[in-house]
Amino acid sequence: MEPNGDLHGVIQNCREAKILLLHPGSEGASAHPKGLPDPELTPERYRDQITKTIHFLRGLKDLQKCVRWNDPAIPEFDFETGELVYRDGSGRRMKRETLGNRF
């Protein structure tokens, strides 16, 4: 997340945020920037922006801000371990997926 971007201050000062991010290693993270009009937004730069956003959100969590997503169809990101957490409809953890050491 760019410090001078439109959402940076809004998210930093909100009480609670529900944010949906692309998995930085997914096919969608590679394909999405190709459909945007900005020729400087390469898949690598887009993945880098997702990574920066994850680090920014981790900082908010460290400041006791509520950053969560409660939809069992979509994995949540564990800011402490840097893993995706998959849950069933009852909220029980089903599996964890490591995203790598960048997070």
N, C-alpha and C. Protein backbone atom coordinates (compact mmCIF):
# COMPACT_ATOMS: atom_id res chain seq x y z
N MET A 1 0.84 -1.16 0.00
CA MET A 1 0.00 0.00 0.00
C MET A 1 0.89 1.23 0.00
N GLU A 2 0.69 2.08 -0.97
CA GLU A 2 1.51 3.28 -1.10
C GLU A 2 1.15 4.28 -0.01
N PRO A 3 2.14 4.81 0.73
CA PRO A 3 1.87 5.77 1.80
C PRO A 3 1.12 7.02 1.34
N ASN A 4 1.27 7.40 0.08
CA ASN A 4 0.56 8.58 -0.41
C ASN A 4 -0.70 8.21 -1.20
N GLY A 5 -1.10 6.94 -1.14
CA GLY A 5 -2.30 6.49 -1.84
C GLY A 5 -3.57 6.95 -1.15
N ASP A 6 -4.67 6.92 -1.88
CA ASP A 6 -5.96 7.39 -1.37
C ASP A 6 -6.45 6.63 -0.15
N LEU A 7 -6.22 5.33 -0.11
CA LEU A 7 -6.78 4.53 0.99
C LEU A 7 -5.88 4.42 2.21
N HIS A 8 -4.62 4.79 2.09
CA HIS A 8 -3.67 4.62 3.20
C HIS A 8 -4.18 5.27 4.48
N GLY A 9 -4.49 6.55 4.45
CA GLY A 9 -4.94 7.26 5.64
C GLY A 9 -6.29 6.77 6.13
N VAL A 10 -7.18 6.45 5.21
CA VAL A 10 -8.51 5.97 5.59
C VAL A 10 -8.40 4.66 6.37
N ILE A 11 -7.64 3.73 5.83
CA ILE A 11 -7.50 2.43 6.50
C ILE A 11 -6.72 2.56 7.80
N GLN A 12 -5.70 3.41 7.80
CA GLN A 12 -4.89 3.58 9.00
C GLN A 12 -5.71 4.16 10.15
N ASN A 13 -6.71 4.97 9.86
CA ASN A 13 -7.48 5.63 10.90
C ASN A 13 -8.84 5.01 11.18
N CYS A 14 -9.21 3.94 10.49
CA CYS A 14 -10.51 3.32 10.74
C CYS A 14 -10.44 2.42 11.97
N ARG A 15 -11.60 2.12 12.51
CA ARG A 15 -11.66 1.24 13.70
C ARG A 15 -11.60 -0.23 13.33
N GLU A 16 -12.11 -0.57 12.18
CA GLU A 16 -12.15 -1.96 11.75
C GLU A 16 -12.07 -1.99 10.23
N ALA A 17 -11.38 -2.99 9.70
CA ALA A 17 -11.25 -3.10 8.24
C ALA A 17 -11.49 -4.54 7.82
N LYS A 18 -12.28 -4.71 6.77
CA LYS A 18 -12.47 -5.99 6.13
C LYS A 18 -11.89 -5.85 4.74
N ILE A 19 -10.77 -6.51 4.52
CA ILE A 19 -10.01 -6.30 3.29
C ILE A 19 -9.78 -7.63 2.61
N LEU A 20 -10.04 -7.67 1.34
CA LEU A 20 -9.85 -8.87 0.54
C LEU A 20 -8.67 -8.63 -0.39
N LEU A 21 -7.65 -9.48 -0.30
CA LEU A 21 -6.45 -9.36 -1.13
C LEU A 21 -6.30 -10.59 -2.01
N LEU A 22 -5.67 -10.38 -3.14
CA LEU A 22 -5.28 -11.52 -3.97
C LEU A 22 -4.09 -12.22 -3.35
N HIS A 23 -4.03 -13.50 -3.50
CA HIS A 23 -2.84 -14.26 -3.11
C HIS A 23 -1.73 -13.79 -4.05
N PRO A 24 -0.61 -13.26 -3.52
CA PRO A 24 0.42 -12.69 -4.39
C PRO A 24 1.05 -13.69 -5.35
N GLY A 25 0.97 -14.97 -5.05
CA GLY A 25 1.53 -15.97 -5.95
C GLY A 25 0.51 -16.59 -6.88
N SER A 26 -0.71 -16.08 -6.86
CA SER A 26 -1.77 -16.69 -7.66
C SER A 26 -1.72 -16.27 -9.12
N GLU A 27 -2.42 -17.02 -9.94
CA GLU A 27 -2.54 -16.68 -11.36
C GLU A 27 -3.26 -15.35 -11.51
N GLY A 28 -4.23 -15.08 -10.63
CA GLY A 28 -4.96 -13.81 -10.68
C GLY A 28 -4.06 -12.61 -10.46
N ALA A 29 -3.08 -12.74 -9.57
CA ALA A 29 -2.15 -11.64 -9.32
C ALA A 29 -1.27 -11.37 -10.53
N SER A 30 -1.06 -12.38 -11.35
CA SER A 30 -0.29 -12.19 -12.59
C SER A 30 -1.17 -11.65 -13.71
N ALA A 31 -2.41 -12.10 -13.76
CA ALA A 31 -3.30 -11.73 -14.86
C ALA A 31 -3.96 -10.37 -14.66
N HIS A 32 -4.28 -10.01 -13.42
CA HIS A 32 -5.04 -8.78 -13.16
C HIS A 32 -4.39 -7.52 -13.73
N PRO A 33 -3.10 -7.27 -13.51
CA PRO A 33 -2.52 -6.03 -14.03
C PRO A 33 -2.52 -5.94 -15.55
N LYS A 34 -2.58 -7.07 -16.22
CA LYS A 34 -2.58 -7.06 -17.69
C LYS A 34 -3.87 -6.44 -18.23
N GLY A 35 -4.94 -6.49 -17.44
CA GLY A 35 -6.22 -5.94 -17.86
C GLY A 35 -6.42 -4.49 -17.47
N LEU A 36 -5.43 -3.88 -16.84
CA LEU A 36 -5.54 -2.49 -16.41
C LEU A 36 -4.83 -1.57 -17.40
N PRO A 37 -5.28 -0.31 -17.49
CA PRO A 37 -4.71 0.59 -18.48
C PRO A 37 -3.30 1.12 -18.16
N ASP A 38 -2.81 0.91 -16.94
CA ASP A 38 -1.50 1.43 -16.56
C ASP A 38 -0.39 0.52 -17.09
N PRO A 39 0.37 0.96 -18.11
CA PRO A 39 1.41 0.10 -18.69
C PRO A 39 2.59 -0.15 -17.74
N GLU A 40 2.74 0.69 -16.72
CA GLU A 40 3.84 0.51 -15.77
C GLU A 40 3.52 -0.50 -14.67
N LEU A 41 2.26 -0.92 -14.60
CA LEU A 41 1.86 -1.88 -13.57
C LEU A 41 2.08 -3.30 -14.09
N THR A 42 3.27 -3.80 -13.87
CA THR A 42 3.63 -5.15 -14.30
C THR A 42 3.15 -6.15 -13.25
N PRO A 43 3.07 -7.43 -13.60
CA PRO A 43 2.71 -8.43 -12.59
C PRO A 43 3.65 -8.40 -11.38
N GLU A 44 4.93 -8.18 -11.61
CA GLU A 44 5.90 -8.13 -10.50
C GLU A 44 5.61 -6.93 -9.59
N ARG A 45 5.35 -5.79 -10.19
CA ARG A 45 5.04 -4.58 -9.39
C ARG A 45 3.72 -4.76 -8.64
N TYR A 46 2.75 -5.39 -9.28
CA TYR A 46 1.46 -5.64 -8.65
C TYR A 46 1.62 -6.57 -7.44
N ARG A 47 2.40 -7.64 -7.60
CA ARG A 47 2.66 -8.55 -6.48
C ARG A 47 3.39 -7.81 -5.36
N ASP A 48 4.31 -6.92 -5.73
CA ASP A 48 5.02 -6.12 -4.74
C ASP A 48 4.05 -5.22 -3.97
N GLN A 49 3.05 -4.65 -4.65
CA GLN A 49 2.05 -3.82 -3.98
C GLN A 49 1.22 -4.66 -3.01
N ILE A 50 0.88 -5.87 -3.40
CA ILE A 50 0.13 -6.76 -2.50
C ILE A 50 0.98 -7.06 -1.26
N THR A 51 2.25 -7.35 -1.46
CA THR A 51 3.16 -7.62 -0.34
C THR A 51 3.26 -6.42 0.59
N LYS A 52 3.40 -5.23 0.03
CA LYS A 52 3.47 -4.01 0.86
C LYS A 52 2.17 -3.82 1.64
N THR A 53 1.05 -4.12 1.01
CA THR A 53 -0.24 -3.99 1.70
C THR A 53 -0.34 -4.96 2.87
N ILE A 54 0.14 -6.19 2.68
CA ILE A 54 0.12 -7.17 3.76
C ILE A 54 0.97 -6.68 4.92
N HIS A 55 2.14 -6.13 4.63
CA HIS A 55 3.00 -5.61 5.70
C HIS A 55 2.35 -4.41 6.40
N PHE A 56 1.68 -3.55 5.65
CA PHE A 56 0.97 -2.41 6.23
C PHE A 56 -0.15 -2.90 7.15
N LEU A 57 -0.92 -3.88 6.70
CA LEU A 57 -2.01 -4.42 7.52
C LEU A 57 -1.48 -5.12 8.76
N ARG A 58 -0.36 -5.79 8.63
CA ARG A 58 0.27 -6.43 9.80
C ARG A 58 0.60 -5.36 10.84
N GLY A 59 1.09 -4.21 10.40
CA GLY A 59 1.39 -3.11 11.31
C GLY A 59 0.14 -2.60 12.02
N LEU A 60 -0.98 -2.56 11.31
CA LEU A 60 -2.24 -2.15 11.94
C LEU A 60 -2.65 -3.14 13.01
N LYS A 61 -2.49 -4.41 12.72
CA LYS A 61 -2.83 -5.46 13.70
C LYS A 61 -1.95 -5.31 14.94
N ASP A 62 -0.67 -4.97 14.74
CA ASP A 62 0.23 -4.75 15.87
C ASP A 62 -0.22 -3.57 16.74
N LEU A 63 -0.94 -2.62 16.12
CA LEU A 63 -1.46 -1.46 16.85
C LEU A 63 -2.85 -1.72 17.43
N GLN A 64 -3.24 -3.00 17.47
CA GLN A 64 -4.52 -3.43 18.03
C GLN A 64 -5.73 -3.02 17.19
N LYS A 65 -5.52 -2.76 15.91
CA LYS A 65 -6.64 -2.48 15.01
C LYS A 65 -7.26 -3.81 14.61
N CYS A 66 -8.55 -3.83 14.39
CA CYS A 66 -9.25 -5.06 14.01
C CYS A 66 -9.23 -5.18 12.48
N VAL A 67 -8.43 -6.12 11.99
CA VAL A 67 -8.34 -6.40 10.56
C VAL A 67 -8.77 -7.84 10.40
N ARG A 68 -9.97 -8.07 9.84
CA ARG A 68 -10.48 -9.44 9.77
C ARG A 68 -11.37 -9.64 8.57
N TRP A 69 -11.61 -10.92 8.28
CA TRP A 69 -12.51 -11.33 7.22
C TRP A 69 -13.18 -12.61 7.69
N ASN A 70 -14.49 -12.64 7.73
CA ASN A 70 -15.22 -13.81 8.25
C ASN A 70 -16.06 -14.46 7.18
N ASP A 71 -15.41 -15.11 6.24
CA ASP A 71 -16.09 -15.82 5.18
C ASP A 71 -15.35 -17.14 4.97
N PRO A 72 -15.97 -18.26 5.34
CA PRO A 72 -15.26 -19.54 5.23
C PRO A 72 -14.89 -19.92 3.81
N ALA A 73 -15.51 -19.30 2.81
CA ALA A 73 -15.17 -19.61 1.42
C ALA A 73 -13.85 -18.95 1.01
N ILE A 74 -13.39 -17.99 1.82
CA ILE A 74 -12.17 -17.25 1.50
C ILE A 74 -11.20 -17.40 2.66
N PRO A 75 -9.98 -17.87 2.41
CA PRO A 75 -9.04 -18.03 3.52
C PRO A 75 -8.67 -16.68 4.13
N GLU A 76 -8.37 -16.70 5.42
CA GLU A 76 -7.91 -15.48 6.10
C GLU A 76 -6.40 -15.50 6.17
N PHE A 77 -5.80 -14.34 6.34
CA PHE A 77 -4.35 -14.24 6.45
C PHE A 77 -3.98 -14.11 7.92
N ASP A 78 -3.13 -15.00 8.40
CA ASP A 78 -2.64 -14.94 9.77
C ASP A 78 -1.42 -14.02 9.78
N PHE A 79 -1.59 -12.82 10.34
CA PHE A 79 -0.52 -11.82 10.32
C PHE A 79 0.68 -12.24 11.16
N GLU A 80 0.47 -13.09 12.15
CA GLU A 80 1.58 -13.52 13.00
C GLU A 80 2.48 -14.54 12.31
N THR A 81 1.89 -15.45 11.54
CA THR A 81 2.67 -16.52 10.92
C THR A 81 2.90 -16.31 9.43
N GLY A 82 2.15 -15.39 8.81
CA GLY A 82 2.27 -15.18 7.37
C GLY A 82 1.66 -16.31 6.56
N GLU A 83 0.64 -16.97 7.11
CA GLU A 83 0.01 -18.10 6.44
C GLU A 83 -1.45 -17.79 6.11
N LEU A 84 -1.96 -18.49 5.09
CA LEU A 84 -3.39 -18.47 4.82
C LEU A 84 -4.02 -19.54 5.70
N VAL A 85 -5.16 -19.21 6.30
CA VAL A 85 -5.87 -20.15 7.16
C VAL A 85 -7.23 -20.42 6.54
N TYR A 86 -7.49 -21.70 6.28
CA TYR A 86 -8.76 -22.13 5.71
C TYR A 86 -9.63 -22.67 6.84
N ARG A 87 -10.89 -22.23 6.88
CA ARG A 87 -11.82 -22.67 7.94
C ARG A 87 -13.07 -23.27 7.30
N ASP A 88 -13.74 -24.09 8.09
CA ASP A 88 -15.02 -24.63 7.63
C ASP A 88 -16.13 -23.65 8.03
N GLY A 89 -17.38 -23.99 7.74
CA GLY A 89 -18.52 -23.13 8.03
C GLY A 89 -18.71 -22.84 9.51
N SER A 90 -18.17 -23.68 10.38
CA SER A 90 -18.27 -23.46 11.83
C SER A 90 -17.10 -22.65 12.38
N GLY A 91 -16.17 -22.30 11.51
CA GLY A 91 -15.03 -21.51 11.95
C GLY A 91 -13.83 -22.33 12.40
N ARG A 92 -13.94 -23.67 12.31
CA ARG A 92 -12.82 -24.52 12.70
C ARG A 92 -11.75 -24.49 11.62
N ARG A 93 -10.51 -24.43 12.06
CA ARG A 93 -9.38 -24.42 11.14
C ARG A 93 -9.27 -25.76 10.44
N MET A 94 -9.21 -25.72 9.12
CA MET A 94 -9.10 -26.95 8.34
C MET A 94 -7.68 -27.19 7.85
N LYS A 95 -7.01 -26.12 7.38
CA LYS A 95 -5.63 -26.25 6.92
C LYS A 95 -4.98 -24.87 6.89
N ARG A 96 -3.66 -24.88 6.80
CA ARG A 96 -2.87 -23.65 6.70
C ARG A 96 -1.97 -23.76 5.48
N GLU A 97 -1.73 -22.64 4.82
CA GLU A 97 -0.86 -22.63 3.65
C GLU A 97 0.19 -21.53 3.83
N THR A 98 1.44 -21.90 3.73
CA THR A 98 2.53 -20.93 3.86
C THR A 98 2.70 -20.18 2.55
N LEU A 99 2.84 -18.87 2.64
CA LEU A 99 3.02 -18.05 1.44
C LEU A 99 4.49 -17.81 1.12
N GLY A 100 5.38 -18.19 1.99
CA GLY A 100 6.79 -17.97 1.76
C GLY A 100 7.35 -16.99 2.77
N ASN A 101 8.64 -16.75 2.71
CA ASN A 101 9.29 -15.94 3.73
C ASN A 101 9.17 -14.45 3.49
N ARG A 102 8.52 -14.00 2.42
CA ARG A 102 8.34 -12.56 2.17
C ARG A 102 7.35 -11.94 3.13
N PHE A 103 6.57 -12.74 3.83
CA PHE A 103 5.51 -12.22 4.68
C PHE A 103 5.80 -12.47 6.12
